[in-house]
């Protein structure tokens, strides 16, 4: 497992990881700056936890993958 394997612009998982991390940042900003009802807080909070888990899984997959085996575009 190597940290250098995270940067794989030819791999769609790399772009998905970036989008999930950006969405987590937007959701966290929304949670902190807008008043939410209890149901809204639960909804945004559960989305934050799911995004964090998905982001961690994507980072693990990219770091554990072999760079040479990543899918390349024709």
PDB file of N, CA and C in Angstrom:
ATOM      1  N   UNK A   1       0.854  -1.172   0.000  1.00  0.00           N
ATOM      2  CA  UNK A   1       0.000   0.000   0.000  1.00  0.00           C
ATOM      3  C   UNK A   1       0.897   1.232   0.000  1.00  0.00           C
ATOM      4  N   UNK A   2       0.736   2.071  -1.012  1.00  0.00           N
ATOM      5  CA  UNK A   2       1.575   3.263  -1.132  1.00  0.00           C
ATOM      6  C   UNK A   2       0.706   4.499  -1.309  1.00  0.00           C
ATOM      7  N   UNK A   3       1.084   5.561  -0.615  1.00  0.00           N
ATOM      8  CA  UNK A   3       0.360   6.828  -0.712  1.00  0.00           C
ATOM      9  C   UNK A   3       0.508   7.421  -2.108  1.00  0.00           C
ATOM     10  N   UNK A   4       1.630   7.181  -2.764  1.00  0.00           N
ATOM     11  CA  UNK A   4       1.861   7.705  -4.104  1.00  0.00           C
ATOM     12  C   UNK A   4       0.884   7.162  -5.141  1.00  0.00           C
ATOM     13  N   UNK A   5       0.198   6.085  -4.817  1.00  0.00           N
ATOM     14  CA  UNK A   5      -0.769   5.502  -5.755  1.00  0.00           C
ATOM     15  C   UNK A   5      -2.098   6.240  -5.755  1.00  0.00           C
ATOM     16  N   UNK A   6      -2.259   7.222  -4.883  1.00  0.00           N
ATOM     17  CA  UNK A   6      -3.530   7.948  -4.840  1.00  0.00           C
ATOM     18  C   UNK A   6      -3.741   8.794  -6.090  1.00  0.00           C
ATOM     19  N   UNK A   7      -2.677   9.351  -6.645  1.00  0.00           N
ATOM     20  CA  UNK A   7      -2.801  10.207  -7.823  1.00  0.00           C
ATOM     21  C   UNK A   7      -2.784   9.345  -9.077  1.00  0.00           C
ATOM     22  N   UNK A   8      -3.985   9.048  -9.595  1.00  0.00           N
ATOM     23  CA  UNK A   8      -4.152   8.241 -10.798  1.00  0.00           C
ATOM     24  C   UNK A   8      -5.209   8.894 -11.678  1.00  0.00           C
ATOM     25  N   UNK A   9      -4.848   9.936 -12.430  1.00  0.00           N
ATOM     26  CA  UNK A   9      -5.861  10.649 -13.215  1.00  0.00           C
ATOM     27  C   UNK A   9      -6.531   9.805 -14.292  1.00  0.00           C
ATOM     28  N   UNK A  10      -5.951   8.697 -14.687  1.00  0.00           N
ATOM     29  CA  UNK A  10      -6.575   7.827 -15.686  1.00  0.00           C
ATOM     30  C   UNK A  10      -7.593   6.870 -15.076  1.00  0.00           C
ATOM     31  N   UNK A  11      -7.629   6.794 -13.759  1.00  0.00           N
ATOM     32  CA  UNK A  11      -8.524   5.878 -13.065  1.00  0.00           C
ATOM     33  C   UNK A  11      -9.791   6.626 -12.640  1.00  0.00           C
ATOM     34  N   UNK A  12     -10.981   6.127 -12.996  1.00  0.00           N
ATOM     35  CA  UNK A  12     -12.227   6.815 -12.599  1.00  0.00           C
ATOM     36  C   UNK A  12     -12.416   6.876 -11.082  1.00  0.00           C
ATOM     37  N   UNK A  13     -11.830   5.933 -10.335  1.00  0.00           N
ATOM     38  CA  UNK A  13     -11.946   5.972  -8.876  1.00  0.00           C
ATOM     39  C   UNK A  13     -11.284   7.222  -8.293  1.00  0.00           C
ATOM     40  N   UNK A  14     -10.222   7.689  -8.942  1.00  0.00           N
ATOM     41  CA  UNK A  14      -9.538   8.903  -8.502  1.00  0.00           C
ATOM     42  C   UNK A  14     -10.483  10.096  -8.568  1.00  0.00           C
ATOM     43  N   UNK A  15     -11.196  10.245  -9.668  1.00  0.00           N
ATOM     44  CA  UNK A  15     -12.114  11.370  -9.839  1.00  0.00           C
ATOM     45  C   UNK A  15     -13.315  11.234  -8.925  1.00  0.00           C
ATOM     46  N   UNK A  16     -13.783  10.017  -8.703  1.00  0.00           N
ATOM     47  CA  UNK A  16     -14.882   9.796  -7.768  1.00  0.00           C
ATOM     48  C   UNK A  16     -14.460  10.163  -6.352  1.00  0.00           C
ATOM     49  N   UNK A  17     -13.224   9.816  -5.984  1.00  0.00           N
ATOM     50  CA  UNK A  17     -12.711  10.172  -4.663  1.00  0.00           C
ATOM     51  C   UNK A  17     -12.680  11.690  -4.492  1.00  0.00           C
ATOM     52  N   UNK A  18     -12.240  12.418  -5.522  1.00  0.00           N
ATOM     53  CA  UNK A  18     -12.204  13.878  -5.443  1.00  0.00           C
ATOM     54  C   UNK A  18     -13.608  14.466  -5.299  1.00  0.00           C
ATOM     55  N   UNK A  19     -14.560  13.922  -6.039  1.00  0.00           N
ATOM     56  CA  UNK A  19     -15.937  14.430  -5.955  1.00  0.00           C
ATOM     57  C   UNK A  19     -16.557  14.143  -4.587  1.00  0.00           C
ATOM     58  N   UNK A  20     -16.307  12.961  -4.042  1.00  0.00           N
ATOM     59  CA  UNK A  20     -16.857  12.613  -2.726  1.00  0.00           C
ATOM     60  C   UNK A  20     -16.258  13.520  -1.654  1.00  0.00           C
ATOM     61  N   UNK A  21     -14.950  13.791  -1.742  1.00  0.00           N
ATOM     62  CA  UNK A  21     -14.323  14.672  -0.760  1.00  0.00           C
ATOM     63  C   UNK A  21     -14.843  16.101  -0.883  1.00  0.00           C
ATOM     64  N   UNK A  22     -15.079  16.576  -2.100  1.00  0.00           N
ATOM     65  CA  UNK A  22     -15.644  17.913  -2.286  1.00  0.00           C
ATOM     66  C   UNK A  22     -17.066  17.981  -1.737  1.00  0.00           C
ATOM     67  N   UNK A  23     -17.861  16.947  -1.981  1.00  0.00           N
ATOM     68  CA  UNK A  23     -19.228  16.909  -1.464  1.00  0.00           C
ATOM     69  C   UNK A  23     -19.231  16.889   0.061  1.00  0.00           C
ATOM     70  N   UNK A  24     -18.295  16.192   0.670  1.00  0.00           N
ATOM     71  CA  UNK A  24     -18.203  16.182   2.131  1.00  0.00           C
ATOM     72  C   UNK A  24     -17.917  17.580   2.663  1.00  0.00           C
ATOM     73  N   UNK A  25     -17.049  18.306   1.980  1.00  0.00           N
ATOM     74  CA  UNK A  25     -16.759  19.675   2.399  1.00  0.00           C
ATOM     75  C   UNK A  25     -17.970  20.580   2.290  1.00  0.00           C
ATOM     76  N   UNK A  26     -18.736  20.439   1.214  1.00  0.00           N
ATOM     77  CA  UNK A  26     -19.947  21.243   1.035  1.00  0.00           C
ATOM     78  C   UNK A  26     -20.983  20.895   2.107  1.00  0.00           C
ATOM     79  N   UNK A  27     -21.172  19.613   2.373  1.00  0.00           N
ATOM     80  CA  UNK A  27     -22.135  19.206   3.396  1.00  0.00           C
ATOM     81  C   UNK A  27     -21.730  19.698   4.778  1.00  0.00           C
ATOM     82  N   UNK A  28     -20.447  19.635   5.092  1.00  0.00           N
ATOM     83  CA  UNK A  28     -19.983  20.115   6.384  1.00  0.00           C
ATOM     84  C   UNK A  28     -20.185  21.621   6.510  1.00  0.00           C
ATOM     85  N   UNK A  29     -19.916  22.366   5.435  1.00  0.00           N
ATOM     86  CA  UNK A  29     -20.147  23.812   5.468  1.00  0.00           C
ATOM     87  C   UNK A  29     -21.634  24.103   5.679  1.00  0.00           C
ATOM     88  N   UNK A  30     -22.481  23.356   4.982  1.00  0.00           N
ATOM     89  CA  UNK A  30     -23.926  23.536   5.098  1.00  0.00           C
ATOM     90  C   UNK A  30     -24.391  23.273   6.524  1.00  0.00           C
ATOM     91  N   UNK A  31     -23.867  22.208   7.128  1.00  0.00           N
ATOM     92  CA  UNK A  31     -24.241  21.851   8.494  1.00  0.00           C
ATOM     93  C   UNK A  31     -23.856  22.970   9.461  1.00  0.00           C
ATOM     94  N   UNK A  32     -22.687  23.567   9.270  1.00  0.00           N
ATOM     95  CA  UNK A  32     -22.186  24.568  10.202  1.00  0.00           C
ATOM     96  C   UNK A  32     -22.819  25.942  10.018  1.00  0.00           C
ATOM     97  N   UNK A  33     -23.266  26.291   8.821  1.00  0.00           N
ATOM     98  CA  UNK A  33     -23.693  27.658   8.557  1.00  0.00           C
ATOM     99  C   UNK A  33     -25.201  27.850   8.369  1.00  0.00           C
ATOM    100  N   UNK A  34     -25.963  26.797   8.316  1.00  0.00           N
ATOM    101  CA  UNK A  34     -27.404  26.924   8.123  1.00  0.00           C
ATOM    102  C   UNK A  34     -28.126  26.257   9.279  1.00  0.00           C
ATOM    103  N   UNK A  35     -29.167  26.913   9.803  1.00  0.00           N
ATOM    104  CA  UNK A  35     -29.953  26.267  10.874  1.00  0.00           C
ATOM    105  C   UNK A  35     -30.775  25.113  10.296  1.00  0.00           C
ATOM    106  N   UNK A  36     -30.637  23.955  10.895  1.00  0.00           N
ATOM    107  CA  UNK A  36     -31.338  22.762  10.412  1.00  0.00           C
ATOM    108  C   UNK A  36     -32.289  22.257  11.489  1.00  0.00           C
ATOM    109  N   UNK A  37     -33.410  21.702  11.057  1.00  0.00           N
ATOM    110  CA  UNK A  37     -34.294  21.028  11.994  1.00  0.00           C
ATOM    111  C   UNK A  37     -33.632  19.716  12.406  1.00  0.00           C
ATOM    112  N   UNK A  38     -34.254  19.036  13.342  1.00  0.00           N
ATOM    113  CA  UNK A  38     -33.688  17.767  13.802  1.00  0.00           C
ATOM    114  C   UNK A  38     -33.613  16.759  12.661  1.00  0.00           C
ATOM    115  N   UNK A  39     -34.670  16.692  11.842  1.00  0.00           N
ATOM    116  CA  UNK A  39     -34.671  15.761  10.706  1.00  0.00           C
ATOM    117  C   UNK A  39     -33.600  16.158   9.689  1.00  0.00           C
ATOM    118  N   UNK A  40     -33.449  17.444   9.442  1.00  0.00           N
ATOM    119  CA  UNK A  40     -32.422  17.908   8.514  1.00  0.00           C
ATOM    120  C   UNK A  40     -31.026  17.620   9.022  1.00  0.00           C
ATOM    121  N   UNK A  41     -30.825  17.807  10.332  1.00  0.00           N
ATOM    122  CA  UNK A  41     -29.515  17.515  10.924  1.00  0.00           C
ATOM    123  C   UNK A  41     -29.183  16.028  10.805  1.00  0.00           C
ATOM    124  N   UNK A  42     -30.178  15.176  11.043  1.00  0.00           N
ATOM    125  CA  UNK A  42     -29.965  13.731  10.899  1.00  0.00           C
ATOM    126  C   UNK A  42     -29.662  13.361   9.453  1.00  0.00           C
ATOM    127  N   UNK A  43     -30.381  13.964   8.521  1.00  0.00           N
ATOM    128  CA  UNK A  43     -30.172  13.669   7.107  1.00  0.00           C
ATOM    129  C   UNK A  43     -28.783  14.101   6.647  1.00  0.00           C
ATOM    130  N   UNK A  44     -28.416  15.329   6.946  1.00  0.00           N
ATOM    131  CA  UNK A  44     -27.098  15.828   6.530  1.00  0.00           C
ATOM    132  C   UNK A  44     -25.988  15.072   7.264  1.00  0.00           C
ATOM    133  N   UNK A  45     -26.207  14.787   8.541  1.00  0.00           N
ATOM    134  CA  UNK A  45     -25.209  14.031   9.307  1.00  0.00           C
ATOM    135  C   UNK A  45     -24.992  12.630   8.769  1.00  0.00           C
ATOM    136  N   UNK A  46     -26.083  11.954   8.404  1.00  0.00           N
ATOM    137  CA  UNK A  46     -25.937  10.600   7.856  1.00  0.00           C
ATOM    138  C   UNK A  46     -25.269  10.641   6.483  1.00  0.00           C
ATOM    139  N   UNK A  47     -25.565  11.688   5.700  1.00  0.00           N
ATOM    140  CA  UNK A  47     -24.881  11.827   4.413  1.00  0.00           C
ATOM    141  C   UNK A  47     -23.392  12.093   4.614  1.00  0.00           C
ATOM    142  N   UNK A  48     -23.035  12.872   5.632  1.00  0.00           N
ATOM    143  CA  UNK A  48     -21.629  13.127   5.932  1.00  0.00           C
ATOM    144  C   UNK A  48     -20.897  11.837   6.312  1.00  0.00           C
ATOM    145  N   UNK A  49     -21.531  11.031   7.154  1.00  0.00           N
ATOM    146  CA  UNK A  49     -20.899   9.772   7.573  1.00  0.00           C
ATOM    147  C   UNK A  49     -20.748   8.827   6.377  1.00  0.00           C
ATOM    148  N   UNK A  50     -21.779   8.720   5.550  1.00  0.00           N
ATOM    149  CA  UNK A  50     -21.700   7.853   4.363  1.00  0.00           C
ATOM    150  C   UNK A  50     -20.617   8.341   3.398  1.00  0.00           C
ATOM    151  N   UNK A  51     -20.519   9.649   3.204  1.00  0.00           N
ATOM    152  CA  UNK A  51     -19.482  10.194   2.336  1.00  0.00           C
ATOM    153  C   UNK A  51     -18.093   9.924   2.899  1.00  0.00           C
ATOM    154  N   UNK A  52     -17.939  10.050   4.207  1.00  0.00           N
ATOM    155  CA  UNK A  52     -16.634   9.788   4.826  1.00  0.00           C
ATOM    156  C   UNK A  52     -16.239   8.322   4.650  1.00  0.00           C
ATOM    157  N   UNK A  53     -17.187   7.414   4.840  1.00  0.00           N
ATOM    158  CA  UNK A  53     -16.896   5.987   4.669  1.00  0.00           C
ATOM    159  C   UNK A  53     -16.570   5.655   3.212  1.00  0.00           C
ATOM    160  N   UNK A  54     -17.344   6.216   2.288  1.00  0.00           N
ATOM    161  CA  UNK A  54     -17.084   5.981   0.870  1.00  0.00           C
ATOM    162  C   UNK A  54     -15.732   6.561   0.471  1.00  0.00           C
ATOM    163  N   UNK A  55     -15.409   7.759   0.945  1.00  0.00           N
ATOM    164  CA  UNK A  55     -14.119   8.373   0.640  1.00  0.00           C
ATOM    165  C   UNK A  55     -12.958   7.560   1.184  1.00  0.00           C
ATOM    166  N   UNK A  56     -13.097   7.049   2.406  1.00  0.00           N
ATOM    167  CA  UNK A  56     -12.039   6.222   2.991  1.00  0.00           C
ATOM    168  C   UNK A  56     -11.861   4.928   2.204  1.00  0.00           C
ATOM    169  N   UNK A  57     -12.961   4.338   1.778  1.00  0.00           N
ATOM    170  CA  UNK A  57     -12.872   3.103   0.982  1.00  0.00           C
ATOM    171  C   UNK A  57     -12.186   3.363  -0.357  1.00  0.00           C
ATOM    172  N   UNK A  58     -12.521   4.491  -1.000  1.00  0.00           N
ATOM    173  CA  UNK A  58     -11.895   4.823  -2.287  1.00  0.00           C
ATOM    174  C   UNK A  58     -10.406   5.085  -2.122  1.00  0.00           C
ATOM    175  N   UNK A  59     -10.025   5.783  -1.059  1.00  0.00           N
ATOM    176  CA  UNK A  59      -8.601   6.027  -0.798  1.00  0.00           C
ATOM    177  C   UNK A  59      -7.883   4.704  -0.575  1.00  0.00           C
ATOM    178  N   UNK A  60      -8.497   3.804   0.185  1.00  0.00           N
ATOM    179  CA  UNK A  60      -7.879   2.505   0.434  1.00  0.00           C
ATOM    180  C   UNK A  60      -7.712   1.722  -0.872  1.00  0.00           C
ATOM    181  N   UNK A  61      -8.742   1.731  -1.731  1.00  0.00           N
ATOM    182  CA  UNK A  61      -8.665   1.012  -3.009  1.00  0.00           C
ATOM    183  C   UNK A  61      -7.559   1.584  -3.894  1.00  0.00           C
ATOM    184  N   UNK A  62      -7.462   2.915  -3.957  1.00  0.00           N
ATOM    185  CA  UNK A  62      -6.433   3.535  -4.796  1.00  0.00           C
ATOM    186  C   UNK A  62      -5.035   3.287  -4.236  1.00  0.00           C
ATOM    187  N   UNK A  63      -4.870   3.382  -2.919  1.00  0.00           N
ATOM    188  CA  UNK A  63      -3.559   3.190  -2.321  1.00  0.00           C
ATOM    189  C   UNK A  63      -3.112   1.733  -2.415  1.00  0.00           C
ATOM    190  N   UNK A  64      -4.057   0.797  -2.375  1.00  0.00           N
ATOM    191  CA  UNK A  64      -3.714  -0.618  -2.425  1.00  0.00           C
ATOM    192  C   UNK A  64      -3.572  -1.148  -3.850  1.00  0.00           C
ATOM    193  N   UNK A  65      -4.010  -0.353  -4.822  1.00  0.00           N
ATOM    194  CA  UNK A  65      -3.989  -0.845  -6.204  1.00  0.00           C
ATOM    195  C   UNK A  65      -2.592  -0.725  -6.786  1.00  0.00           C
ATOM    196  N   UNK A  66      -2.372  -1.538  -7.813  1.00  0.00           N
ATOM    197  CA  UNK A  66      -1.128  -1.463  -8.564  1.00  0.00           C
ATOM    198  C   UNK A  66      -1.305  -0.407  -9.635  1.00  0.00           C
ATOM    199  N   UNK A  67      -0.412   0.524  -9.707  1.00  0.00           N
ATOM    200  CA  UNK A  67      -0.551   1.634 -10.653  1.00  0.00           C
ATOM    201  C   UNK A  67      -0.577   1.139 -12.100  1.00  0.00           C
ATOM    202  N   UNK A  68       0.169   0.109 -12.389  1.00  0.00           N
ATOM    203  CA  UNK A  68       0.234  -0.405 -13.759  1.00  0.00           C
ATOM    204  C   UNK A  68      -1.067  -1.103 -14.156  1.00  0.00           C
ATOM    205  N   UNK A  69      -1.845  -1.557 -13.182  1.00  0.00           N
ATOM    206  CA  UNK A  69      -3.093  -2.271 -13.485  1.00  0.00           C
ATOM    207  C   UNK A  69      -4.289  -1.331 -13.554  1.00  0.00           C
ATOM    208  N   UNK A  70      -4.065  -0.032 -13.365  1.00  0.00           N
ATOM    209  CA  UNK A  70      -5.198   0.897 -13.410  1.00  0.00           C
ATOM    210  C   UNK A  70      -5.730   1.000 -14.835  1.00  0.00           C
ATOM    211  N   UNK A  71      -7.051   1.137 -14.977  1.00  0.00           N
ATOM    212  CA  UNK A  71      -7.620   1.188 -16.331  1.00  0.00           C
ATOM    213  C   UNK A  71      -7.167   2.442 -17.066  1.00  0.00           C
ATOM    214  N   UNK A  72      -6.724   2.240 -18.273  1.00  0.00           N
ATOM    215  CA  UNK A  72      -6.273   3.363 -19.107  1.00  0.00           C
ATOM    216  C   UNK A  72      -7.289   3.602 -20.210  1.00  0.00           C
ATOM    217  N   UNK A  73      -7.456   4.849 -20.575  1.00  0.00           N
ATOM    218  CA  UNK A  73      -8.378   5.173 -21.656  1.00  0.00           C
ATOM    219  C   UNK A  73      -7.694   4.944 -22.987  1.00  0.00           C
ATOM    220  N   UNK A  74      -8.445   4.438 -23.974  1.00  0.00           N
ATOM    221  CA  UNK A  74      -7.818   4.152 -25.271  1.00  0.00           C
ATOM    222  C   UNK A  74      -7.421   5.410 -26.027  1.00  0.00           C
TER     223      UNK A  74
END
